[in-house]
Amino acid sequence: MKKEYTISVFSEHKVGLLHRITVIFSRRKINIESLNTSESEVRGIYRFTIVINTTEDMVKTVTKQIEKQIGILKAFYHTLDEIVYQEIALYKVPTALFANGDEVEILIRKHNARILTIEPEYIVVEKTGHKEETKQLFRELESYGVLQFARSGRIALTKQIKEISAYLKDIDTHHKETANDVVTY
């Protein structure tokens, strides 16, 4: 049975690595629902957060294939109940909406969103939450007129503390030891 999985990939910062990872999904006809890349808590180590809908057998296979790539240090997959996650969405709406009463402002507050910038022609609103929450605010703002909309990929942390933290600590220690090695002839 298919369900949503979040894959966390820890890697070195190498050109072409993202392409090699996405090819693994393309070959298996798995659509990437969300993708985010960023630095991790360990200097020099980068994190890819990838969301897919597939079977558990397939996510295991894909995770193993990702780990075989040169430059990949470790990959983990998680179900929704094993992670804490968020997305961020930005909405550009006409400033004129706010001149016609408090209706839009009340809507923004109801969704725990906030105003990032106010310009003469537009206002940018920010909403942090799960995909369903950011989509709901979009649907409600749509009738007022949304000039632009953008949503980030998922960012996620595991609820389990030992597995990833211990692994990354080992990587960090290894990087520091390697950096301190002096070759003498």
N, C-alpha and C. Protein backbone atom coordinates (compact mmCIF):
# COMPACT_ATOMS: atom_id res chain seq x y z
N MET A 1 0.84 -1.18 0.00
CA MET A 1 0.00 0.00 0.00
C MET A 1 0.89 1.25 0.00
N LYS A 2 0.53 2.21 -0.84
CA LYS A 2 1.31 3.44 -0.93
C LYS A 2 0.95 4.37 0.23
N LYS A 3 1.99 5.06 0.73
CA LYS A 3 1.79 6.13 1.69
C LYS A 3 2.94 7.12 1.58
N GLU A 4 2.84 8.20 2.33
CA GLU A 4 3.82 9.27 2.23
C GLU A 4 5.04 8.96 3.10
N TYR A 5 6.22 9.13 2.51
CA TYR A 5 7.48 8.96 3.23
C TYR A 5 8.33 10.21 3.04
N THR A 6 9.11 10.53 4.06
CA THR A 6 10.08 11.61 3.99
C THR A 6 11.46 10.98 4.07
N ILE A 7 12.27 11.26 3.07
CA ILE A 7 13.64 10.72 3.02
C ILE A 7 14.60 11.85 3.36
N SER A 8 15.49 11.60 4.32
CA SER A 8 16.55 12.54 4.67
C SER A 8 17.86 11.98 4.16
N VAL A 9 18.53 12.75 3.34
CA VAL A 9 19.79 12.32 2.75
C VAL A 9 20.88 13.28 3.22
N PHE A 10 21.97 12.74 3.74
CA PHE A 10 23.10 13.55 4.19
C PHE A 10 24.25 13.32 3.22
N SER A 11 24.82 14.44 2.74
CA SER A 11 25.82 14.31 1.68
C SER A 11 26.92 15.34 1.81
N GLU A 12 27.96 15.10 1.02
CA GLU A 12 28.97 16.11 0.81
C GLU A 12 28.37 17.11 -0.18
N HIS A 13 29.01 18.24 -0.35
CA HIS A 13 28.51 19.27 -1.27
C HIS A 13 29.16 19.04 -2.63
N LYS A 14 28.52 18.23 -3.48
CA LYS A 14 29.09 17.85 -4.77
C LYS A 14 28.18 18.27 -5.92
N VAL A 15 28.79 18.77 -6.98
CA VAL A 15 28.06 19.13 -8.19
C VAL A 15 27.51 17.85 -8.82
N GLY A 16 26.25 17.90 -9.26
CA GLY A 16 25.64 16.77 -9.96
C GLY A 16 24.97 15.75 -9.06
N LEU A 17 25.13 15.90 -7.75
CA LEU A 17 24.56 14.93 -6.82
C LEU A 17 23.03 14.93 -6.86
N LEU A 18 22.43 16.10 -6.91
CA LEU A 18 20.97 16.19 -6.97
C LEU A 18 20.45 15.49 -8.22
N HIS A 19 21.14 15.66 -9.33
CA HIS A 19 20.72 15.00 -10.57
C HIS A 19 20.76 13.48 -10.41
N ARG A 20 21.83 12.96 -9.83
CA ARG A 20 21.95 11.51 -9.65
C ARG A 20 20.86 10.97 -8.74
N ILE A 21 20.49 11.76 -7.73
CA ILE A 21 19.43 11.33 -6.81
C ILE A 21 18.08 11.32 -7.54
N THR A 22 17.79 12.36 -8.29
CA THR A 22 16.49 12.42 -8.96
C THR A 22 16.35 11.34 -10.04
N VAL A 23 17.45 10.94 -10.66
CA VAL A 23 17.41 9.86 -11.65
C VAL A 23 16.94 8.56 -11.00
N ILE A 24 17.32 8.33 -9.75
CA ILE A 24 16.89 7.12 -9.04
C ILE A 24 15.37 7.06 -8.97
N PHE A 25 14.74 8.20 -8.72
CA PHE A 25 13.27 8.25 -8.64
C PHE A 25 12.65 8.13 -10.03
N SER A 26 13.24 8.81 -11.00
CA SER A 26 12.71 8.78 -12.38
C SER A 26 12.70 7.37 -12.94
N ARG A 27 13.77 6.63 -12.73
CA ARG A 27 13.85 5.26 -13.25
C ARG A 27 12.74 4.37 -12.69
N ARG A 28 12.30 4.66 -11.50
CA ARG A 28 11.25 3.85 -10.86
C ARG A 28 9.87 4.49 -11.00
N LYS A 29 9.80 5.58 -11.78
CA LYS A 29 8.54 6.30 -12.02
C LYS A 29 7.88 6.76 -10.72
N ILE A 30 8.73 7.28 -9.80
CA ILE A 30 8.25 7.83 -8.52
C ILE A 30 8.33 9.34 -8.62
N ASN A 31 7.21 10.00 -8.41
CA ASN A 31 7.17 11.45 -8.45
C ASN A 31 7.64 12.01 -7.11
N ILE A 32 8.50 13.01 -7.16
CA ILE A 32 8.93 13.69 -5.94
C ILE A 32 7.89 14.76 -5.62
N GLU A 33 7.25 14.62 -4.48
CA GLU A 33 6.19 15.56 -4.07
C GLU A 33 6.77 16.85 -3.52
N SER A 34 7.92 16.76 -2.87
CA SER A 34 8.56 17.92 -2.26
C SER A 34 10.05 17.65 -2.16
N LEU A 35 10.84 18.70 -2.35
CA LEU A 35 12.30 18.58 -2.28
C LEU A 35 12.86 19.84 -1.67
N ASN A 36 13.72 19.66 -0.69
CA ASN A 36 14.39 20.80 -0.07
C ASN A 36 15.84 20.40 0.18
N THR A 37 16.75 21.33 -0.05
CA THR A 37 18.16 21.09 0.26
C THR A 37 18.66 22.22 1.15
N SER A 38 19.52 21.87 2.08
CA SER A 38 20.07 22.88 2.98
C SER A 38 21.32 22.33 3.66
N GLU A 39 22.00 23.20 4.35
CA GLU A 39 23.10 22.75 5.19
C GLU A 39 22.50 22.00 6.37
N SER A 40 23.27 21.10 6.94
CA SER A 40 22.82 20.38 8.14
C SER A 40 23.49 21.01 9.36
N GLU A 41 23.31 20.38 10.50
CA GLU A 41 23.92 20.87 11.73
C GLU A 41 25.43 20.62 11.80
N VAL A 42 25.94 19.84 10.85
CA VAL A 42 27.38 19.55 10.80
C VAL A 42 27.98 20.32 9.63
N ARG A 43 28.99 21.14 9.91
CA ARG A 43 29.62 21.94 8.88
C ARG A 43 30.13 21.06 7.74
N GLY A 44 29.80 21.43 6.52
CA GLY A 44 30.26 20.69 5.35
C GLY A 44 29.34 19.55 4.94
N ILE A 45 28.32 19.27 5.72
CA ILE A 45 27.37 18.20 5.41
C ILE A 45 26.03 18.84 5.04
N TYR A 46 25.45 18.38 3.94
CA TYR A 46 24.20 18.94 3.44
C TYR A 46 23.08 17.91 3.58
N ARG A 47 21.87 18.43 3.72
CA ARG A 47 20.69 17.59 3.92
C ARG A 47 19.72 17.81 2.75
N PHE A 48 19.27 16.71 2.18
CA PHE A 48 18.18 16.73 1.21
C PHE A 48 16.97 16.17 1.94
N THR A 49 15.83 16.84 1.85
CA THR A 49 14.58 16.33 2.40
C THR A 49 13.66 16.09 1.22
N ILE A 50 13.31 14.84 1.01
CA ILE A 50 12.54 14.43 -0.17
C ILE A 50 11.26 13.74 0.29
N VAL A 51 10.13 14.16 -0.27
CA VAL A 51 8.84 13.57 0.07
C VAL A 51 8.33 12.80 -1.15
N ILE A 52 7.95 11.54 -0.92
CA ILE A 52 7.39 10.71 -2.00
C ILE A 52 6.20 9.91 -1.47
N ASN A 53 5.37 9.46 -2.38
CA ASN A 53 4.28 8.53 -2.07
C ASN A 53 4.60 7.22 -2.76
N THR A 54 4.81 6.17 -1.97
CA THR A 54 5.16 4.88 -2.53
C THR A 54 4.93 3.79 -1.49
N THR A 55 5.34 2.59 -1.81
CA THR A 55 5.23 1.48 -0.86
C THR A 55 6.46 1.45 0.04
N GLU A 56 6.35 0.74 1.16
CA GLU A 56 7.50 0.64 2.05
C GLU A 56 8.66 -0.10 1.39
N ASP A 57 8.36 -1.16 0.63
CA ASP A 57 9.42 -1.88 -0.06
C ASP A 57 10.17 -0.97 -1.03
N MET A 58 9.42 -0.13 -1.75
CA MET A 58 10.06 0.75 -2.73
C MET A 58 10.88 1.84 -2.04
N VAL A 59 10.39 2.41 -0.93
CA VAL A 59 11.17 3.45 -0.25
C VAL A 59 12.45 2.84 0.32
N LYS A 60 12.40 1.61 0.77
CA LYS A 60 13.63 0.93 1.25
C LYS A 60 14.63 0.78 0.10
N THR A 61 14.14 0.33 -1.04
CA THR A 61 14.99 0.13 -2.22
C THR A 61 15.62 1.45 -2.66
N VAL A 62 14.80 2.49 -2.76
CA VAL A 62 15.28 3.81 -3.20
C VAL A 62 16.31 4.35 -2.23
N THR A 63 16.05 4.23 -0.94
CA THR A 63 16.99 4.73 0.08
C THR A 63 18.34 4.02 -0.04
N LYS A 64 18.32 2.70 -0.26
CA LYS A 64 19.57 1.95 -0.44
C LYS A 64 20.32 2.40 -1.70
N GLN A 65 19.55 2.65 -2.78
CA GLN A 65 20.17 3.11 -4.02
C GLN A 65 20.80 4.49 -3.85
N ILE A 66 20.15 5.36 -3.11
CA ILE A 66 20.69 6.70 -2.86
C ILE A 66 22.00 6.59 -2.09
N GLU A 67 22.04 5.71 -1.08
CA GLU A 67 23.25 5.55 -0.27
C GLU A 67 24.44 5.05 -1.07
N LYS A 68 24.19 4.38 -2.18
CA LYS A 68 25.28 3.86 -3.01
C LYS A 68 25.96 4.94 -3.84
N GLN A 69 25.35 6.11 -3.94
CA GLN A 69 25.91 7.19 -4.75
C GLN A 69 27.16 7.77 -4.09
N ILE A 70 28.14 8.08 -4.90
CA ILE A 70 29.36 8.71 -4.39
C ILE A 70 28.99 10.10 -3.87
N GLY A 71 29.45 10.41 -2.67
CA GLY A 71 29.16 11.70 -2.05
C GLY A 71 28.01 11.64 -1.05
N ILE A 72 27.29 10.53 -1.04
CA ILE A 72 26.20 10.36 -0.07
C ILE A 72 26.78 9.69 1.17
N LEU A 73 26.53 10.29 2.33
CA LEU A 73 27.04 9.74 3.58
C LEU A 73 26.04 8.79 4.21
N LYS A 74 24.75 9.17 4.20
CA LYS A 74 23.72 8.32 4.81
C LYS A 74 22.35 8.81 4.35
N ALA A 75 21.41 7.89 4.24
CA ALA A 75 20.02 8.22 3.90
C ALA A 75 19.10 7.46 4.85
N PHE A 76 18.04 8.12 5.27
CA PHE A 76 17.04 7.53 6.16
C PHE A 76 15.67 7.81 5.57
N TYR A 77 14.70 6.93 5.82
CA TYR A 77 13.32 7.25 5.44
C TYR A 77 12.45 7.19 6.69
N HIS A 78 11.41 8.03 6.68
CA HIS A 78 10.55 8.14 7.85
C HIS A 78 9.09 8.29 7.43
N THR A 79 8.20 7.82 8.29
CA THR A 79 6.77 8.04 8.11
C THR A 79 6.41 9.36 8.81
N LEU A 80 5.21 9.84 8.55
CA LEU A 80 4.79 11.13 9.12
C LEU A 80 4.82 11.15 10.65
N ASP A 81 4.51 10.03 11.28
CA ASP A 81 4.48 10.01 12.74
C ASP A 81 5.88 9.98 13.36
N GLU A 82 6.93 9.84 12.55
CA GLU A 82 8.30 9.80 13.06
C GLU A 82 9.03 11.14 12.93
N ILE A 83 8.35 12.14 12.36
CA ILE A 83 9.01 13.42 12.11
C ILE A 83 8.16 14.60 12.59
N VAL A 84 8.84 15.72 12.74
CA VAL A 84 8.19 17.02 12.94
C VAL A 84 8.52 17.80 11.67
N TYR A 85 7.50 18.34 11.00
CA TYR A 85 7.76 18.97 9.71
C TYR A 85 6.89 20.20 9.50
N GLN A 86 7.36 21.06 8.60
CA GLN A 86 6.67 22.28 8.24
C GLN A 86 7.01 22.65 6.81
N GLU A 87 6.19 23.54 6.26
CA GLU A 87 6.47 24.19 4.99
C GLU A 87 6.18 25.67 5.21
N ILE A 88 6.67 26.49 4.33
CA ILE A 88 6.38 27.93 4.39
C ILE A 88 5.76 28.33 3.06
N ALA A 89 4.75 29.18 3.13
CA ALA A 89 4.09 29.67 1.92
C ALA A 89 4.06 31.19 1.96
N LEU A 90 4.21 31.79 0.78
CA LEU A 90 4.11 33.23 0.63
C LEU A 90 2.97 33.54 -0.34
N TYR A 91 2.18 34.55 0.00
CA TYR A 91 1.04 34.96 -0.80
C TYR A 91 1.17 36.46 -1.07
N LYS A 92 1.11 36.86 -2.32
CA LYS A 92 1.11 38.28 -2.65
C LYS A 92 -0.32 38.65 -3.02
N VAL A 93 -0.89 39.59 -2.26
CA VAL A 93 -2.27 40.02 -2.48
C VAL A 93 -2.30 41.54 -2.67
N PRO A 94 -3.29 42.04 -3.39
CA PRO A 94 -3.37 43.50 -3.61
C PRO A 94 -3.58 44.25 -2.30
N THR A 95 -2.87 45.36 -2.13
CA THR A 95 -3.00 46.20 -0.94
C THR A 95 -4.43 46.72 -0.80
N ALA A 96 -5.11 46.93 -1.90
CA ALA A 96 -6.48 47.46 -1.88
C ALA A 96 -7.43 46.58 -1.07
N LEU A 97 -7.12 45.31 -0.93
CA LEU A 97 -7.98 44.41 -0.14
C LEU A 97 -8.11 44.89 1.31
N PHE A 98 -7.06 45.49 1.82
CA PHE A 98 -7.05 45.90 3.21
C PHE A 98 -7.75 47.24 3.43
N ALA A 99 -7.99 47.95 2.33
CA ALA A 99 -8.67 49.24 2.44
C ALA A 99 -10.19 49.07 2.56
N ASN A 100 -10.67 47.89 2.25
CA ASN A 100 -12.12 47.63 2.25
C ASN A 100 -12.61 46.96 3.52
N GLY A 101 -11.97 47.20 4.63
CA GLY A 101 -12.41 46.61 5.90
C GLY A 101 -11.41 45.61 6.46
N ASP A 102 -11.84 44.95 7.52
CA ASP A 102 -10.96 44.04 8.26
C ASP A 102 -11.06 42.58 7.83
N GLU A 103 -11.86 42.29 6.83
CA GLU A 103 -12.14 40.90 6.45
C GLU A 103 -10.89 40.09 6.14
N VAL A 104 -10.00 40.62 5.32
CA VAL A 104 -8.78 39.89 4.94
C VAL A 104 -7.83 39.80 6.12
N GLU A 105 -7.73 40.86 6.90
CA GLU A 105 -6.86 40.84 8.07
C GLU A 105 -7.34 39.78 9.07
N ILE A 106 -8.63 39.66 9.26
CA ILE A 106 -9.20 38.65 10.16
C ILE A 106 -8.89 37.24 9.63
N LEU A 107 -8.98 37.06 8.31
CA LEU A 107 -8.66 35.78 7.67
C LEU A 107 -7.20 35.41 7.91
N ILE A 108 -6.30 36.38 7.77
CA ILE A 108 -4.87 36.13 7.98
C ILE A 108 -4.62 35.73 9.43
N ARG A 109 -5.22 36.43 10.35
CA ARG A 109 -5.05 36.10 11.78
C ARG A 109 -5.64 34.73 12.11
N LYS A 110 -6.78 34.41 11.52
CA LYS A 110 -7.43 33.11 11.75
C LYS A 110 -6.50 31.95 11.39
N HIS A 111 -5.69 32.18 10.37
CA HIS A 111 -4.76 31.14 9.90
C HIS A 111 -3.37 31.25 10.53
N ASN A 112 -3.22 32.11 11.53
CA ASN A 112 -1.92 32.32 12.18
C ASN A 112 -0.83 32.66 11.18
N ALA A 113 -1.20 33.44 10.18
CA ALA A 113 -0.23 33.92 9.19
C ALA A 113 0.22 35.31 9.63
N ARG A 114 1.21 35.84 8.91
CA ARG A 114 1.68 37.18 9.26
C ARG A 114 2.03 37.95 8.00
N ILE A 115 1.99 39.25 8.12
CA ILE A 115 2.32 40.13 7.00
C ILE A 115 3.83 40.38 7.02
N LEU A 116 4.49 40.10 5.89
CA LEU A 116 5.94 40.29 5.79
C LEU A 116 6.29 41.69 5.29
N THR A 117 5.55 42.15 4.31
CA THR A 117 5.86 43.46 3.74
C THR A 117 4.58 44.12 3.20
N ILE A 118 4.56 45.43 3.30
CA ILE A 118 3.44 46.19 2.76
C ILE A 118 4.01 47.19 1.76
N GLU A 119 3.57 47.09 0.54
CA GLU A 119 3.97 47.99 -0.54
C GLU A 119 2.71 48.70 -1.03
N PRO A 120 2.86 49.78 -1.78
CA PRO A 120 1.67 50.49 -2.26
C PRO A 120 0.72 49.62 -3.09
N GLU A 121 1.27 48.68 -3.87
CA GLU A 121 0.44 47.86 -4.76
C GLU A 121 0.09 46.48 -4.19
N TYR A 122 0.90 45.97 -3.28
CA TYR A 122 0.69 44.61 -2.80
C TYR A 122 1.17 44.44 -1.36
N ILE A 123 0.69 43.33 -0.77
CA ILE A 123 1.12 42.91 0.57
C ILE A 123 1.54 41.45 0.45
N VAL A 124 2.65 41.10 1.11
CA VAL A 124 3.11 39.71 1.12
C VAL A 124 2.79 39.13 2.49
N VAL A 125 2.08 38.00 2.47
CA VAL A 125 1.67 37.29 3.66
C VAL A 125 2.45 35.98 3.73
N GLU A 126 2.86 35.61 4.95
CA GLU A 126 3.61 34.37 5.18
C GLU A 126 2.80 33.45 6.07
N LYS A 127 2.74 32.17 5.68
CA LYS A 127 2.07 31.15 6.49
C LYS A 127 3.00 29.95 6.62
N THR A 128 3.27 29.53 7.84
CA THR A 128 4.05 28.34 8.10
C THR A 128 3.10 27.26 8.60
N GLY A 129 3.26 26.05 8.07
CA GLY A 129 2.39 24.96 8.50
C GLY A 129 2.54 23.76 7.59
N HIS A 130 1.60 22.86 7.69
CA HIS A 130 1.58 21.69 6.81
C HIS A 130 0.96 22.09 5.48
N LYS A 131 1.18 21.28 4.47
CA LYS A 131 0.72 21.57 3.12
C LYS A 131 -0.79 21.87 3.08
N GLU A 132 -1.56 21.10 3.81
CA GLU A 132 -3.02 21.28 3.82
C GLU A 132 -3.39 22.67 4.37
N GLU A 133 -2.65 23.12 5.38
CA GLU A 133 -2.92 24.43 5.99
C GLU A 133 -2.59 25.58 5.04
N THR A 134 -1.47 25.46 4.34
CA THR A 134 -1.09 26.53 3.42
C THR A 134 -2.01 26.55 2.21
N LYS A 135 -2.47 25.37 1.78
CA LYS A 135 -3.42 25.31 0.66
C LYS A 135 -4.78 25.89 1.07
N GLN A 136 -5.19 25.65 2.30
CA GLN A 136 -6.47 26.18 2.77
C GLN A 136 -6.47 27.70 2.78
N LEU A 137 -5.40 28.31 3.26
CA LEU A 137 -5.31 29.77 3.24
C LEU A 137 -5.33 30.27 1.81
N PHE A 138 -4.65 29.58 0.90
CA PHE A 138 -4.67 29.97 -0.50
C PHE A 138 -6.09 29.95 -1.06
N ARG A 139 -6.82 28.87 -0.78
CA ARG A 139 -8.20 28.77 -1.27
C ARG A 139 -9.06 29.92 -0.75
N GLU A 140 -8.87 30.28 0.51
CA GLU A 140 -9.67 31.35 1.09
C GLU A 140 -9.26 32.73 0.57
N LEU A 141 -7.98 32.92 0.27
CA LEU A 141 -7.52 34.20 -0.28
C LEU A 141 -7.84 34.34 -1.77
N GLU A 142 -8.01 33.19 -2.44
CA GLU A 142 -8.24 33.19 -3.89
C GLU A 142 -9.41 34.09 -4.31
N SER A 143 -10.47 34.06 -3.54
CA SER A 143 -11.64 34.87 -3.91
C SER A 143 -11.36 36.37 -3.81
N TYR A 144 -10.34 36.75 -3.06
CA TYR A 144 -9.96 38.16 -2.93
C TYR A 144 -8.96 38.57 -4.02
N GLY A 145 -8.28 37.58 -4.58
CA GLY A 145 -7.29 37.84 -5.62
C GLY A 145 -5.88 37.63 -5.11
N VAL A 146 -5.27 36.54 -5.50
CA VAL A 146 -3.88 36.25 -5.16
C VAL A 146 -3.04 36.57 -6.39
N LEU A 147 -2.12 37.50 -6.25
CA LEU A 147 -1.26 37.89 -7.37
C LEU A 147 -0.16 36.87 -7.62
N GLN A 148 0.40 36.35 -6.53
CA GLN A 148 1.43 35.30 -6.62
C GLN A 148 1.33 34.40 -5.40
N PHE A 149 1.79 33.16 -5.58
CA PHE A 149 1.80 32.19 -4.50
C PHE A 149 3.03 31.30 -4.67
N ALA A 150 3.74 31.03 -3.59
CA ALA A 150 4.88 30.11 -3.61
C ALA A 150 4.91 29.35 -2.30
N ARG A 151 5.22 28.06 -2.39
CA ARG A 151 5.34 27.24 -1.18
C ARG A 151 6.67 26.50 -1.24
N SER A 152 7.34 26.42 -0.11
CA SER A 152 8.63 25.74 -0.03
C SER A 152 8.43 24.24 -0.02
N GLY A 153 9.53 23.53 -0.14
CA GLY A 153 9.50 22.10 0.11
C GLY A 153 9.45 21.86 1.61
N ARG A 154 9.17 20.65 1.96
CA ARG A 154 9.10 20.27 3.38
C ARG A 154 10.48 20.36 4.02
N ILE A 155 10.50 20.84 5.25
CA ILE A 155 11.67 20.70 6.10
C ILE A 155 11.23 19.82 7.26
N ALA A 156 12.10 18.95 7.70
CA ALA A 156 11.70 17.98 8.71
C ALA A 156 12.86 17.60 9.61
N LEU A 157 12.51 17.31 10.85
CA LEU A 157 13.44 16.75 11.83
C LEU A 157 12.81 15.49 12.38
N THR A 158 13.64 14.52 12.72
CA THR A 158 13.09 13.29 13.28
C THR A 158 12.77 13.47 14.75
N LYS A 159 11.78 12.73 15.21
CA LYS A 159 11.46 12.71 16.64
C LYS A 159 12.49 11.86 17.38
N GLN A 160 13.00 10.85 16.71
CA GLN A 160 14.02 9.96 17.28
C GLN A 160 15.33 10.73 17.35
N ILE A 161 15.99 10.72 18.48
CA ILE A 161 17.18 11.56 18.64
C ILE A 161 18.49 10.81 18.37
N LYS A 162 18.57 9.55 18.68
CA LYS A 162 19.86 8.87 18.62
C LYS A 162 20.34 8.57 17.21
N GLU A 163 19.52 7.98 16.38
CA GLU A 163 19.97 7.46 15.09
C GLU A 163 20.72 8.49 14.25
N ILE A 164 20.09 9.59 13.91
CA ILE A 164 20.72 10.57 13.04
C ILE A 164 21.76 11.39 13.79
N SER A 165 21.45 11.81 15.00
CA SER A 165 22.40 12.63 15.77
C SER A 165 23.71 11.88 16.00
N ALA A 166 23.64 10.63 16.37
CA ALA A 166 24.85 9.84 16.61
C ALA A 166 25.65 9.68 15.32
N TYR A 167 24.96 9.43 14.24
CA TYR A 167 25.64 9.26 12.96
C TYR A 167 26.33 10.56 12.54
N LEU A 168 25.63 11.68 12.66
CA LEU A 168 26.21 12.96 12.26
C LEU A 168 27.37 13.36 13.17
N LYS A 169 27.27 13.00 14.45
CA LYS A 169 28.37 13.29 15.38
C LYS A 169 29.61 12.52 14.95
N ASP A 170 29.44 11.26 14.55
CA ASP A 170 30.56 10.46 14.07
C ASP A 170 31.18 11.08 12.82
N ILE A 171 30.33 11.56 11.92
CA ILE A 171 30.82 12.21 10.70
C ILE A 171 31.61 13.46 11.04
N ASP A 172 31.08 14.26 11.96
CA ASP A 172 31.74 15.50 12.37
C ASP A 172 33.10 15.19 12.98
N THR A 173 33.16 14.20 13.85
CA THR A 173 34.42 13.81 14.48
C THR A 173 35.43 13.36 13.43
N HIS A 174 34.96 12.56 12.46
CA HIS A 174 35.83 12.07 11.39
C HIS A 174 36.37 13.24 10.56
N HIS A 175 35.49 14.21 10.23
CA HIS A 175 35.93 15.38 9.45
C HIS A 175 36.99 16.18 10.20
N LYS A 176 36.80 16.35 11.51
CA LYS A 176 37.77 17.11 12.31
C LYS A 176 39.11 16.38 12.38
N GLU A 177 39.05 15.04 12.55
CA GLU A 177 40.28 14.26 12.63
C GLU A 177 41.02 14.32 11.29
N THR A 178 40.28 14.21 10.19
CA THR A 178 40.89 14.26 8.86
C THR A 178 41.52 15.61 8.60
N ALA A 179 40.85 16.67 9.04
CA ALA A 179 41.36 18.03 8.84
C ALA A 179 42.64 18.26 9.64
N ASN A 180 42.79 17.56 10.76
CA ASN A 180 43.97 17.74 11.61
C ASN A 180 45.13 16.84 11.24
N ASP A 181 44.90 15.87 10.35
CA ASP A 181 45.97 14.97 9.94
C ASP A 181 47.01 15.74 9.11
N VAL A 182 48.27 15.53 9.46
CA VAL A 182 49.35 16.18 8.73
C VAL A 182 50.17 15.07 8.11
N VAL A 183 50.38 15.20 6.82
CA VAL A 183 51.16 14.17 6.12
C VAL A 183 52.61 14.63 6.10
N THR A 184 53.49 13.76 6.59
CA THR A 184 54.93 14.07 6.56
C THR A 184 55.64 13.01 5.75
N TYR A 185 56.67 13.45 5.06
CA TYR A 185 57.45 12.53 4.22
C TYR A 185 58.85 12.44 4.69
